[in-house]
Protein backbone atom coordinates (compact mmCIF):
# COMPACT_ATOMS: atom_id res chain seq x y z
CA MET A 1 26.16 15.21 -22.36
CA SER A 2 25.55 14.81 -18.65
CA THR A 3 23.67 11.90 -17.15
CA LYS A 4 20.73 12.47 -14.86
CA ARG A 5 21.47 11.50 -11.28
CA THR A 6 18.86 9.76 -9.19
CA PHE A 7 18.65 9.79 -5.43
CA THR A 8 16.89 7.44 -3.06
CA ASN A 9 14.08 8.66 -0.83
CA GLU A 10 16.31 7.83 2.12
CA PHE A 11 19.05 10.17 0.88
CA LYS A 12 16.56 12.95 0.10
CA ARG A 13 15.00 12.59 3.54
CA GLN A 14 18.45 12.67 5.16
CA VAL A 15 19.40 15.91 3.37
CA VAL A 16 16.09 17.60 4.20
CA GLU A 17 16.20 16.53 7.85
CA GLU A 18 19.76 17.83 8.09
CA ILE A 19 18.54 21.22 6.84
CA LEU A 20 15.38 21.29 8.98
CA SER A 21 17.27 20.34 12.13
CA GLY A 22 19.50 23.36 11.68
CA GLY A 23 22.61 21.26 11.11
CA THR A 24 23.25 23.06 7.83
CA THR A 25 21.70 25.64 5.52
CA THR A 26 20.12 24.87 2.19
CA ALA A 27 22.96 26.67 0.40
CA ALA A 28 25.59 24.68 2.31
CA ALA A 29 23.79 21.41 1.50
CA CYS A 30 23.72 22.42 -2.18
CA ARG A 31 27.50 22.88 -2.15
CA LYS A 32 28.18 19.80 -0.01
CA TYR A 33 26.16 17.41 -2.20
CA ALA A 34 26.53 19.32 -5.52
CA ILE A 35 22.75 19.56 -5.89
CA ALA A 36 20.89 22.56 -7.31
CA TYR A 37 18.86 24.72 -4.93
CA PRO A 38 15.50 24.09 -6.74
CA VAL A 39 16.03 20.33 -6.41
CA ILE A 40 16.42 20.57 -2.66
CA ALA A 41 13.42 22.93 -2.52
CA ARG A 42 11.33 20.22 -4.25
CA TRP A 43 12.60 17.64 -1.77
CA LYS A 44 11.62 19.90 1.14
CA LYS A 45 8.09 20.25 -0.26
CA ALA A 46 7.84 16.49 -0.85
CA TYR A 47 9.05 15.93 2.72
CA SER A 48 6.38 18.23 4.13
CA LEU A 49 3.73 16.25 2.23
CA GLY A 50 5.10 12.92 3.48
CA ARG A 51 6.28 11.69 0.09
CA LEU A 52 9.77 10.67 1.16
CA ASP A 53 8.68 7.63 3.19
CA ASN A 54 8.06 9.87 6.18
CA GLU A 55 5.07 11.16 8.09
CA PRO A 56 3.61 14.38 6.66
CA THR A 57 4.50 17.58 8.49
CA THR A 58 1.74 19.88 7.14
CA ASP A 59 -2.06 19.84 7.04
CA ALA A 60 -1.93 19.46 3.24
CA GLY A 61 0.26 16.40 3.72
CA TYR A 62 -2.18 14.91 6.21
CA GLN A 63 -5.11 15.57 3.87
CA GLU A 64 -3.25 13.87 1.04
CA LYS A 65 -2.45 10.89 3.27
CA ILE A 66 -6.12 10.62 4.32
CA ALA A 67 -7.26 10.73 0.69
CA GLN A 68 -4.72 8.03 -0.21
CA LEU A 69 -5.92 5.80 2.64
CA GLU A 70 -9.58 6.35 1.69
CA ARG A 71 -8.81 5.27 -1.89
CA LYS A 72 -7.09 2.15 -0.54
CA VAL A 73 -10.07 1.33 1.72
CA GLY A 74 -12.40 1.70 -1.27
CA GLN A 75 -10.23 -0.59 -3.39
CA LEU A 76 -10.02 -3.23 -0.66
CA THR A 77 -13.79 -3.04 -0.08
CA MET A 78 -14.44 -3.67 -3.77
CA GLU A 79 -12.00 -6.60 -3.82
CA ASN A 80 -13.63 -8.04 -0.70
CA ASP A 81 -17.10 -7.79 -2.28
CA VAL A 82 -15.88 -9.56 -5.44
CA LEU A 83 -14.25 -12.34 -3.42
CA LYS A 84 -17.42 -12.84 -1.34
CA LYS A 85 -19.50 -13.08 -4.53
CA VAL A 86 -17.12 -15.63 -6.08
CA LEU A 87 -17.08 -17.67 -2.85
CA LYS A 88 -20.87 -17.70 -2.71
CA GLN A 89 -21.11 -18.81 -6.36
CA THR A 90 -18.52 -21.53 -5.83
CA GLN A 91 -20.32 -22.84 -2.76
CA SER A 92 -23.68 -22.93 -4.53
CA GLN A 93 -22.17 -24.76 -7.53
CA ARG A 94 -20.47 -27.23 -5.24
CA ALA A 95 -23.71 -27.87 -3.35
CA ARG A 96 -25.58 -28.59 -6.59
CA SER A 97 -22.92 -30.90 -8.01
CA THR A 98 -22.17 -32.93 -4.86
CA PRO A 99 -24.06 -36.26 -4.89
CA ILE A 100 -25.90 -37.15 -1.75
CA ILE A 101 -24.44 -40.35 -0.30
CA PRO A 102 -26.47 -41.98 2.47
CA SER A 103 -24.63 -42.52 5.70
CA PRO A 104 -23.82 -46.12 6.68
CA CYS A 105 -26.16 -46.04 9.65
CA ARG A 106 -29.18 -45.38 7.41
CA ILE A 107 -28.55 -48.32 5.09
CA GLY A 108 -30.86 -51.22 5.89
CA LYS A 109 -29.60 -54.71 6.60
CA HIS A 110 -30.80 -55.97 3.24
CA GLN A 111 -28.82 -53.26 1.43
CA ALA A 112 -25.64 -53.84 3.38
CA GLY A 113 -25.48 -57.45 2.25
CA VAL A 114 -25.87 -58.88 5.72
C-alpha cells in the first residue's frame, strides 16, 4: 500500500512557476518530480486563484480574494462592536461601584483634625 505524499505550498508554487516561466513543460515536470499530470493541473489552477501563498493571476482569483477580505472585514467589525459594548458596560459598572472620596482641599479644618 502506498503512502500519500504531501507537498508544501512553496514547492507547489515553485513547480508551477517553473512551468509558467517556460523553464520546463508540464510533462517534463511530471517526470522530474514523479507527480501525476492531474495533480500539477490542480496546482496550476490553485496558483491562478492565489491559493498557493501567491497573488492571484486571474479575475476569478481576484474576486475570490476580495470576497475573502470582505468576510474578514465583517468579522473584525463584529468583534470590534462586541469589544466596544463590553468596554462601555465595564466603564459604567466601574463608575457605579467607585466610592466618591472628597479631595483633601475640600475637607474643612475641623474634619482634618487641625
